[in-house]
Amino acid sequence: MKISAIVFAAAAASGVAADFWISYLQNNVVNGPLIAGNRYAEGAVFVKDPQFNCDRDAGSHYIWGNTDDVSGDKAGMRTVPGKDVGFPLFRDPLDVVEFNTGSNQPGHHTIYKDRGYAMVDLAGNKTGQCKLNRNFVINLDCYRGDEHIIMKGSSMFFCQSDIGLN
């Protein structure tokens, strides 16, 4: 009994890694009702599995849209150099990726290529370590009821961090 309590306490004290993927997703609803107020959206999504499928992923991810400014209460994702290169990568290269999800997890962080893809918070503290990974391509035509949902994109990063996802 004492051993299991010690193991539990050690695990709680060290934090449990909440590894996640950041993918770039272009989502287009060709017909049917609005999904989260958008018929078309593109930007960052935070997922546990980078291999998308229609049953699990069609219309189920909040997309943090592309923007030039994610400071303060401005939500979204900013990429530097921010160049749209089309399908499947859409944004490349990824020298700086800054995202702000407001009060939702993971929050406001920046990933820097020149720091080995370290993820840092607004105070400059390292909050995770990401690895550039563009290997998972998203190219799906999905049907859900009356909706025809076209999803395109690719994985961007695999991140290891103690911050969680909602």
N, C-alpha and C. Protein backbone atom coordinates (compact mmCIF):
# COMPACT_ATOMS: atom_id res chain seq x y z
N MET A 1 0.81 -1.19 0.00
CA MET A 1 0.00 0.00 0.00
C MET A 1 0.86 1.25 0.00
N LYS A 2 1.94 1.26 0.81
CA LYS A 2 2.81 2.43 0.87
C LYS A 2 3.52 2.64 -0.45
N ILE A 3 3.92 1.55 -1.12
CA ILE A 3 4.63 1.68 -2.40
C ILE A 3 3.73 2.32 -3.44
N SER A 4 2.47 1.90 -3.54
CA SER A 4 1.58 2.49 -4.54
C SER A 4 1.31 3.96 -4.24
N ALA A 5 1.25 4.34 -2.97
CA ALA A 5 1.05 5.75 -2.62
C ALA A 5 2.26 6.57 -3.02
N ILE A 6 3.46 6.02 -2.84
CA ILE A 6 4.68 6.72 -3.23
C ILE A 6 4.74 6.88 -4.74
N VAL A 7 4.42 5.83 -5.48
CA VAL A 7 4.42 5.90 -6.95
C VAL A 7 3.41 6.93 -7.43
N PHE A 8 2.22 6.96 -6.84
CA PHE A 8 1.19 7.92 -7.23
C PHE A 8 1.66 9.34 -6.94
N ALA A 9 2.24 9.56 -5.76
CA ALA A 9 2.71 10.90 -5.39
C ALA A 9 3.83 11.36 -6.33
N ALA A 10 4.73 10.47 -6.69
CA ALA A 10 5.82 10.82 -7.61
C ALA A 10 5.28 11.18 -8.98
N ALA A 11 4.31 10.43 -9.46
CA ALA A 11 3.71 10.71 -10.76
C ALA A 11 2.98 12.05 -10.75
N ALA A 12 2.27 12.34 -9.67
CA ALA A 12 1.54 13.60 -9.56
C ALA A 12 2.50 14.78 -9.48
N ALA A 13 3.60 14.61 -8.76
CA ALA A 13 4.56 15.70 -8.59
C ALA A 13 5.31 16.00 -9.88
N SER A 14 5.59 14.99 -10.67
CA SER A 14 6.37 15.20 -11.89
C SER A 14 5.53 15.72 -13.04
N GLY A 15 4.23 15.64 -12.93
CA GLY A 15 3.37 16.06 -14.03
C GLY A 15 3.26 14.93 -15.04
N VAL A 16 2.16 14.85 -15.70
CA VAL A 16 1.95 13.81 -16.70
C VAL A 16 2.02 14.48 -18.07
N ALA A 17 2.86 13.97 -18.91
CA ALA A 17 3.03 14.58 -20.23
C ALA A 17 1.72 14.49 -21.01
N ALA A 18 1.37 15.58 -21.64
CA ALA A 18 0.17 15.64 -22.46
C ALA A 18 0.61 15.87 -23.90
N ASP A 19 1.28 14.88 -24.47
CA ASP A 19 1.80 15.01 -25.83
C ASP A 19 0.66 15.25 -26.81
N PHE A 20 0.93 16.09 -27.81
CA PHE A 20 -0.10 16.40 -28.80
C PHE A 20 0.55 16.78 -30.12
N TRP A 21 -0.27 16.77 -31.15
CA TRP A 21 0.13 17.16 -32.49
C TRP A 21 -0.52 18.49 -32.83
N ILE A 22 0.20 19.30 -33.59
CA ILE A 22 -0.38 20.49 -34.20
C ILE A 22 -0.42 20.22 -35.69
N SER A 23 -1.61 20.29 -36.25
CA SER A 23 -1.78 20.06 -37.68
C SER A 23 -2.37 21.30 -38.32
N TYR A 24 -2.15 21.45 -39.61
CA TYR A 24 -2.77 22.52 -40.38
C TYR A 24 -3.96 21.91 -41.09
N LEU A 25 -5.13 22.51 -40.90
CA LEU A 25 -6.35 21.95 -41.48
C LEU A 25 -7.12 23.01 -42.24
N GLN A 26 -7.49 22.68 -43.45
CA GLN A 26 -8.41 23.47 -44.25
C GLN A 26 -9.71 22.68 -44.27
N ASN A 27 -10.78 23.29 -43.79
CA ASN A 27 -12.07 22.62 -43.64
C ASN A 27 -13.12 23.37 -44.47
N ASN A 28 -13.77 22.69 -45.39
CA ASN A 28 -14.77 23.32 -46.24
C ASN A 28 -16.04 22.48 -46.21
N VAL A 29 -17.13 23.09 -45.77
CA VAL A 29 -18.43 22.42 -45.77
C VAL A 29 -19.15 22.84 -47.04
N VAL A 30 -19.31 21.89 -47.96
CA VAL A 30 -19.90 22.19 -49.26
C VAL A 30 -21.41 22.41 -49.16
N ASN A 31 -22.08 21.63 -48.34
CA ASN A 31 -23.52 21.83 -48.12
C ASN A 31 -23.85 21.40 -46.71
N GLY A 32 -25.04 21.72 -46.25
CA GLY A 32 -25.43 21.37 -44.89
C GLY A 32 -25.35 22.58 -43.98
N PRO A 33 -25.73 22.42 -42.72
CA PRO A 33 -25.72 23.53 -41.77
C PRO A 33 -24.30 23.95 -41.41
N LEU A 34 -24.18 25.11 -40.78
CA LEU A 34 -22.87 25.62 -40.37
C LEU A 34 -22.24 24.75 -39.30
N ILE A 35 -20.91 24.63 -39.35
CA ILE A 35 -20.15 23.94 -38.30
C ILE A 35 -19.45 25.02 -37.50
N ALA A 36 -19.78 25.15 -36.23
CA ALA A 36 -19.16 26.14 -35.35
C ALA A 36 -19.14 27.52 -35.99
N GLY A 37 -20.19 27.85 -36.73
CA GLY A 37 -20.29 29.17 -37.33
C GLY A 37 -19.48 29.35 -38.61
N ASN A 38 -18.81 28.33 -39.08
CA ASN A 38 -17.97 28.47 -40.27
C ASN A 38 -18.33 27.44 -41.33
N ARG A 39 -18.40 27.90 -42.57
CA ARG A 39 -18.53 26.97 -43.69
C ARG A 39 -17.15 26.67 -44.24
N TYR A 40 -16.22 27.62 -44.07
CA TYR A 40 -14.86 27.43 -44.54
C TYR A 40 -13.93 28.00 -43.48
N ALA A 41 -12.93 27.24 -43.11
CA ALA A 41 -11.95 27.72 -42.14
C ALA A 41 -10.63 27.01 -42.38
N GLU A 42 -9.54 27.69 -42.06
CA GLU A 42 -8.24 27.02 -42.11
C GLU A 42 -7.33 27.61 -41.06
N GLY A 43 -6.47 26.74 -40.53
CA GLY A 43 -5.53 27.14 -39.50
C GLY A 43 -5.08 25.93 -38.71
N ALA A 44 -4.73 26.18 -37.44
CA ALA A 44 -4.16 25.13 -36.58
C ALA A 44 -5.24 24.36 -35.85
N VAL A 45 -5.03 23.06 -35.73
CA VAL A 45 -5.84 22.22 -34.85
C VAL A 45 -4.88 21.44 -33.96
N PHE A 46 -5.32 21.17 -32.74
CA PHE A 46 -4.52 20.44 -31.76
C PHE A 46 -5.18 19.08 -31.56
N VAL A 47 -4.44 18.02 -31.84
CA VAL A 47 -5.02 16.68 -31.83
C VAL A 47 -4.07 15.69 -31.15
N LYS A 48 -4.64 14.58 -30.71
CA LYS A 48 -3.84 13.49 -30.14
C LYS A 48 -3.35 12.53 -31.23
N ASP A 49 -4.09 12.44 -32.33
CA ASP A 49 -3.76 11.51 -33.41
C ASP A 49 -3.67 12.29 -34.72
N PRO A 50 -2.52 12.30 -35.39
CA PRO A 50 -2.38 13.07 -36.62
C PRO A 50 -2.98 12.40 -37.86
N GLN A 51 -3.43 11.17 -37.72
CA GLN A 51 -4.03 10.47 -38.85
C GLN A 51 -5.54 10.68 -38.80
N PHE A 52 -6.03 11.62 -39.60
CA PHE A 52 -7.44 11.99 -39.59
C PHE A 52 -8.27 10.93 -40.30
N ASN A 53 -9.53 10.79 -39.84
CA ASN A 53 -10.50 9.97 -40.56
C ASN A 53 -11.86 10.64 -40.46
N CYS A 54 -12.74 10.31 -41.38
CA CYS A 54 -14.04 10.98 -41.46
C CYS A 54 -14.90 10.76 -40.22
N ASP A 55 -14.96 9.53 -39.73
CA ASP A 55 -15.85 9.23 -38.60
C ASP A 55 -15.50 10.04 -37.36
N ARG A 56 -14.23 10.17 -37.06
CA ARG A 56 -13.81 10.84 -35.83
C ARG A 56 -13.61 12.34 -36.02
N ASP A 57 -13.14 12.77 -37.18
CA ASP A 57 -12.63 14.13 -37.32
C ASP A 57 -13.48 15.10 -38.11
N ALA A 58 -14.41 14.64 -38.93
CA ALA A 58 -15.19 15.55 -39.77
C ALA A 58 -16.00 16.51 -38.91
N GLY A 59 -15.65 17.78 -38.98
CA GLY A 59 -16.39 18.81 -38.26
C GLY A 59 -16.21 18.81 -36.76
N SER A 60 -15.23 18.07 -36.24
CA SER A 60 -15.13 17.95 -34.78
C SER A 60 -14.00 18.76 -34.16
N HIS A 61 -13.19 19.45 -34.95
CA HIS A 61 -12.06 20.19 -34.40
C HIS A 61 -12.27 21.69 -34.54
N TYR A 62 -11.97 22.42 -33.47
CA TYR A 62 -11.97 23.87 -33.58
C TYR A 62 -10.71 24.28 -34.32
N ILE A 63 -10.86 25.13 -35.31
CA ILE A 63 -9.72 25.58 -36.10
C ILE A 63 -9.33 26.97 -35.63
N TRP A 64 -8.08 27.10 -35.19
CA TRP A 64 -7.53 28.39 -34.76
C TRP A 64 -6.97 29.05 -36.01
N GLY A 65 -7.73 30.02 -36.53
CA GLY A 65 -7.47 30.59 -37.84
C GLY A 65 -6.17 31.35 -37.99
N ASN A 66 -5.72 31.45 -39.24
CA ASN A 66 -4.53 32.21 -39.58
C ASN A 66 -4.76 33.69 -39.29
N THR A 67 -3.76 34.32 -38.72
CA THR A 67 -3.83 35.75 -38.46
C THR A 67 -2.42 36.31 -38.36
N ASP A 68 -2.29 37.61 -38.54
CA ASP A 68 -0.98 38.26 -38.41
C ASP A 68 -0.69 38.67 -36.98
N ASP A 69 -1.69 38.61 -36.10
CA ASP A 69 -1.52 39.11 -34.73
C ASP A 69 -2.30 38.24 -33.76
N VAL A 70 -1.60 37.58 -32.84
CA VAL A 70 -2.26 36.78 -31.80
C VAL A 70 -1.94 37.34 -30.41
N SER A 71 -1.63 38.62 -30.35
CA SER A 71 -1.30 39.24 -29.06
C SER A 71 -2.57 39.47 -28.25
N GLY A 72 -2.38 39.61 -26.92
CA GLY A 72 -3.49 39.90 -26.03
C GLY A 72 -4.60 38.88 -26.13
N ASP A 73 -5.81 39.36 -26.43
CA ASP A 73 -6.96 38.46 -26.51
C ASP A 73 -7.28 38.04 -27.94
N LYS A 74 -6.36 38.25 -28.86
CA LYS A 74 -6.57 37.87 -30.26
C LYS A 74 -6.20 36.40 -30.45
N ALA A 75 -7.18 35.58 -30.71
CA ALA A 75 -6.96 34.13 -30.85
C ALA A 75 -6.59 33.77 -32.28
N GLY A 76 -5.87 32.67 -32.42
CA GLY A 76 -5.52 32.16 -33.73
C GLY A 76 -4.10 31.66 -33.78
N MET A 77 -3.59 31.53 -35.01
CA MET A 77 -2.22 31.05 -35.24
C MET A 77 -1.52 32.00 -36.21
N ARG A 78 -0.29 32.35 -35.86
CA ARG A 78 0.56 33.19 -36.70
C ARG A 78 1.78 32.38 -37.10
N THR A 79 2.09 32.38 -38.40
CA THR A 79 3.29 31.68 -38.86
C THR A 79 4.24 32.69 -39.51
N VAL A 80 5.52 32.46 -39.30
CA VAL A 80 6.55 33.26 -39.95
C VAL A 80 7.43 32.29 -40.73
N PRO A 81 7.54 32.44 -42.02
CA PRO A 81 7.17 33.60 -42.79
C PRO A 81 5.71 33.68 -43.23
N GLY A 82 4.84 32.83 -42.90
CA GLY A 82 3.42 32.97 -43.22
C GLY A 82 3.08 32.79 -44.68
N LYS A 83 3.94 32.16 -45.41
CA LYS A 83 3.75 31.97 -46.85
C LYS A 83 2.83 30.78 -47.11
N ASP A 84 1.77 31.02 -47.89
CA ASP A 84 0.86 29.94 -48.28
C ASP A 84 1.44 29.24 -49.50
N VAL A 85 1.79 27.96 -49.32
CA VAL A 85 2.38 27.18 -50.41
C VAL A 85 1.40 26.17 -51.00
N GLY A 86 0.13 26.24 -50.58
CA GLY A 86 -0.87 25.33 -51.12
C GLY A 86 -0.81 23.94 -50.50
N PHE A 87 -1.70 23.08 -50.98
CA PHE A 87 -1.83 21.72 -50.47
C PHE A 87 -0.57 20.92 -50.77
N PRO A 88 -0.10 20.06 -49.88
CA PRO A 88 -0.68 19.69 -48.59
C PRO A 88 -0.14 20.47 -47.39
N LEU A 89 0.98 21.18 -47.53
CA LEU A 89 1.58 21.82 -46.36
C LEU A 89 0.92 23.14 -45.99
N PHE A 90 0.46 23.91 -46.96
CA PHE A 90 -0.18 25.22 -46.81
C PHE A 90 0.74 26.28 -46.22
N ARG A 91 1.41 26.02 -45.13
CA ARG A 91 2.35 26.99 -44.55
C ARG A 91 3.73 26.34 -44.49
N ASP A 92 4.71 26.97 -45.17
CA ASP A 92 6.06 26.42 -45.17
C ASP A 92 7.01 27.49 -45.68
N PRO A 93 8.18 27.66 -45.09
CA PRO A 93 8.70 26.95 -43.92
C PRO A 93 8.04 27.44 -42.63
N LEU A 94 8.32 26.75 -41.55
CA LEU A 94 7.76 27.10 -40.25
C LEU A 94 8.89 27.57 -39.33
N ASP A 95 9.34 28.80 -39.52
CA ASP A 95 10.41 29.35 -38.69
C ASP A 95 9.90 29.75 -37.31
N VAL A 96 8.71 30.33 -37.27
CA VAL A 96 8.06 30.71 -36.01
C VAL A 96 6.58 30.37 -36.14
N VAL A 97 6.04 29.67 -35.17
CA VAL A 97 4.60 29.41 -35.11
C VAL A 97 4.13 29.85 -33.73
N GLU A 98 3.28 30.86 -33.72
CA GLU A 98 2.73 31.38 -32.46
C GLU A 98 1.23 31.12 -32.47
N PHE A 99 0.73 30.61 -31.37
CA PHE A 99 -0.71 30.37 -31.28
C PHE A 99 -1.24 30.89 -29.96
N ASN A 100 -2.47 31.36 -30.01
CA ASN A 100 -3.16 31.87 -28.83
C ASN A 100 -4.56 31.28 -28.84
N THR A 101 -4.83 30.40 -27.90
CA THR A 101 -6.15 29.78 -27.79
C THR A 101 -6.94 30.38 -26.62
N GLY A 102 -6.51 31.55 -26.16
CA GLY A 102 -7.21 32.23 -25.07
C GLY A 102 -7.21 31.41 -23.80
N SER A 103 -8.37 31.30 -23.17
CA SER A 103 -8.48 30.54 -21.92
C SER A 103 -8.55 29.03 -22.16
N ASN A 104 -8.66 28.61 -23.42
CA ASN A 104 -8.65 27.19 -23.75
C ASN A 104 -7.21 26.68 -23.78
N GLN A 105 -7.03 25.38 -23.52
CA GLN A 105 -5.69 24.80 -23.60
C GLN A 105 -5.34 24.57 -25.06
N PRO A 106 -4.13 24.73 -25.50
CA PRO A 106 -2.94 24.88 -24.68
C PRO A 106 -2.59 26.30 -24.27
N GLY A 107 -3.27 27.34 -24.75
CA GLY A 107 -2.98 28.71 -24.32
C GLY A 107 -2.18 29.49 -25.36
N HIS A 108 -1.28 30.36 -24.88
CA HIS A 108 -0.50 31.24 -25.75
C HIS A 108 0.97 30.84 -25.69
N HIS A 109 1.47 30.29 -26.78
CA HIS A 109 2.84 29.78 -26.85
C HIS A 109 3.42 30.05 -28.24
N THR A 110 4.74 29.98 -28.31
CA THR A 110 5.43 30.16 -29.59
C THR A 110 6.46 29.05 -29.75
N ILE A 111 6.54 28.52 -30.96
CA ILE A 111 7.53 27.50 -31.31
C ILE A 111 8.54 28.16 -32.25
N TYR A 112 9.83 28.03 -31.89
CA TYR A 112 10.90 28.68 -32.65
C TYR A 112 11.83 27.66 -33.29
N LYS A 113 12.01 27.76 -34.60
CA LYS A 113 12.95 26.89 -35.31
C LYS A 113 14.37 27.11 -34.80
N ASP A 114 14.77 28.39 -34.61
CA ASP A 114 16.15 28.68 -34.21
C ASP A 114 16.46 28.31 -32.76
N ARG A 115 15.47 27.81 -32.04
CA ARG A 115 15.68 27.29 -30.69
C ARG A 115 15.44 25.78 -30.66
N GLY A 116 15.57 25.15 -31.81
CA GLY A 116 15.38 23.70 -31.89
C GLY A 116 13.94 23.28 -31.72
N TYR A 117 13.00 24.14 -32.12
CA TYR A 117 11.56 23.92 -32.02
C TYR A 117 11.09 23.82 -30.57
N ALA A 118 11.76 24.57 -29.69
CA ALA A 118 11.27 24.69 -28.31
C ALA A 118 9.97 25.48 -28.33
N MET A 119 9.05 25.10 -27.45
CA MET A 119 7.79 25.83 -27.28
C MET A 119 7.92 26.64 -26.00
N VAL A 120 7.67 27.96 -26.09
CA VAL A 120 7.83 28.83 -24.93
C VAL A 120 6.56 29.64 -24.71
N ASP A 121 6.34 30.02 -23.45
CA ASP A 121 5.18 30.84 -23.12
C ASP A 121 5.54 32.32 -23.22
N LEU A 122 4.61 33.19 -22.85
CA LEU A 122 4.82 34.63 -22.97
C LEU A 122 5.95 35.14 -22.08
N ALA A 123 6.22 34.45 -20.99
CA ALA A 123 7.30 34.85 -20.08
C ALA A 123 8.66 34.33 -20.53
N GLY A 124 8.70 33.59 -21.63
CA GLY A 124 9.95 33.04 -22.14
C GLY A 124 10.33 31.71 -21.54
N ASN A 125 9.43 31.12 -20.74
CA ASN A 125 9.69 29.81 -20.14
C ASN A 125 9.42 28.70 -21.14
N LYS A 126 10.32 27.72 -21.19
CA LYS A 126 10.11 26.58 -22.07
C LYS A 126 8.97 25.74 -21.51
N THR A 127 7.94 25.53 -22.33
CA THR A 127 6.76 24.77 -21.90
C THR A 127 6.63 23.44 -22.61
N GLY A 128 7.51 23.20 -23.58
CA GLY A 128 7.46 21.94 -24.29
C GLY A 128 8.54 21.87 -25.35
N GLN A 129 8.68 20.69 -25.91
CA GLN A 129 9.63 20.48 -27.00
C GLN A 129 8.87 19.88 -28.17
N CYS A 130 8.95 20.55 -29.31
CA CYS A 130 8.24 20.08 -30.50
C CYS A 130 9.24 19.56 -31.53
N LYS A 131 8.74 18.69 -32.38
CA LYS A 131 9.54 18.16 -33.49
C LYS A 131 8.76 18.44 -34.77
N LEU A 132 9.44 19.06 -35.72
CA LEU A 132 8.83 19.30 -37.02
C LEU A 132 8.49 17.95 -37.65
N ASN A 133 7.24 17.77 -38.05
CA ASN A 133 6.82 16.52 -38.67
C ASN A 133 5.69 16.83 -39.65
N ARG A 134 5.99 16.82 -40.94
CA ARG A 134 5.02 17.13 -41.99
C ARG A 134 4.57 15.86 -42.71
N ASN A 135 4.74 14.70 -42.09
CA ASN A 135 4.53 13.41 -42.76
C ASN A 135 3.08 12.98 -42.90
N PHE A 136 2.17 13.49 -42.08
CA PHE A 136 0.78 13.03 -42.12
C PHE A 136 -0.05 14.00 -42.95
N VAL A 137 -0.51 13.54 -44.10
CA VAL A 137 -1.29 14.37 -45.02
C VAL A 137 -2.78 14.10 -44.79
N ILE A 138 -3.56 15.17 -44.79
CA ILE A 138 -5.02 15.09 -44.65
C ILE A 138 -5.62 15.43 -46.00
N ASN A 139 -6.39 14.51 -46.56
CA ASN A 139 -7.04 14.72 -47.85
C ASN A 139 -8.30 13.86 -47.87
N LEU A 140 -9.37 14.37 -47.25
CA LEU A 140 -10.58 13.57 -47.05
C LEU A 140 -11.82 14.27 -47.58
N ASP A 141 -12.69 13.50 -48.21
CA ASP A 141 -14.05 13.91 -48.56
C ASP A 141 -14.97 13.14 -47.63
N CYS A 142 -15.65 13.84 -46.74
CA CYS A 142 -16.46 13.18 -45.72
C CYS A 142 -17.93 13.55 -45.88
N TYR A 143 -18.78 12.62 -45.52
CA TYR A 143 -20.22 12.85 -45.56
C TYR A 143 -20.78 12.54 -44.19
N ARG A 144 -21.50 13.52 -43.63
CA ARG A 144 -22.12 13.37 -42.32
C ARG A 144 -23.53 13.94 -42.44
N GLY A 145 -24.49 13.05 -42.55
CA GLY A 145 -25.85 13.51 -42.79
C GLY A 145 -25.92 14.22 -44.14
N ASP A 146 -26.43 15.46 -44.15
CA ASP A 146 -26.51 16.25 -45.37
C ASP A 146 -25.23 17.00 -45.69
N GLU A 147 -24.26 16.93 -44.80
CA GLU A 147 -23.03 17.71 -44.97
C GLU A 147 -21.99 16.97 -45.81
N HIS A 148 -21.37 17.69 -46.70
CA HIS A 148 -20.20 17.20 -47.42
C HIS A 148 -19.04 18.06 -46.93
N ILE A 149 -18.12 17.44 -46.21
CA ILE A 149 -17.01 18.15 -45.57
C ILE A 149 -15.71 17.72 -46.24
N ILE A 150 -14.99 18.70 -46.76
CA ILE A 150 -13.70 18.45 -47.40
C ILE A 150 -12.61 18.93 -46.45
N MET A 151 -11.73 18.01 -46.06
CA MET A 151 -10.64 18.35 -45.15
C MET A 151 -9.31 18.12 -45.85
N LYS A 152 -8.46 19.14 -45.81
CA LYS A 152 -7.13 19.05 -46.41
C LYS A 152 -6.11 19.66 -45.46
N GLY A 153 -4.89 19.14 -45.49
CA GLY A 153 -3.83 19.71 -44.67
C GLY A 153 -2.75 18.70 -44.38
N SER A 154 -2.00 18.97 -43.31
CA SER A 154 -0.92 18.07 -42.92
C SER A 154 -0.52 18.35 -41.48
N SER A 155 0.19 17.37 -40.92
CA SER A 155 0.76 17.58 -39.59
C SER A 155 1.84 18.65 -39.70
N MET A 156 2.05 19.37 -38.59
CA MET A 156 3.11 20.38 -38.52
C MET A 156 4.16 19.98 -37.48
N PHE A 157 3.70 19.72 -36.25
CA PHE A 157 4.60 19.41 -35.14
C PHE A 157 4.03 18.31 -34.26
N PHE A 158 4.93 17.53 -33.68
CA PHE A 158 4.59 16.68 -32.54
C PHE A 158 5.24 17.35 -31.34
N CYS A 159 4.44 17.64 -30.31
CA CYS A 159 4.93 18.37 -29.14
C CYS A 159 4.81 17.53 -27.88
N GLN A 160 5.87 17.55 -27.10
CA GLN A 160 5.88 16.91 -25.79
C GLN A 160 5.86 18.01 -24.75
N SER A 161 4.86 17.96 -23.89
CA SER A 161 4.66 19.05 -22.93
C SER A 161 3.79 18.56 -21.78
N ASP A 162 3.87 19.27 -20.67
CA ASP A 162 2.98 18.99 -19.54
C ASP A 162 1.68 19.77 -19.63
N ILE A 163 1.57 20.69 -20.60
CA ILE A 163 0.31 21.41 -20.75
C ILE A 163 -0.68 20.47 -21.42
N GLY A 164 -1.92 20.60 -21.08
CA GLY A 164 -2.93 19.69 -21.61
C GLY A 164 -3.75 20.31 -22.70
N LEU A 165 -4.63 19.52 -23.25
CA LEU A 165 -5.60 19.99 -24.23
C LEU A 165 -6.98 19.85 -23.62
N ASN A 166 -7.87 20.80 -23.93
CA ASN A 166 -9.26 20.70 -23.45
C ASN A 166 -9.98 19.61 -24.20
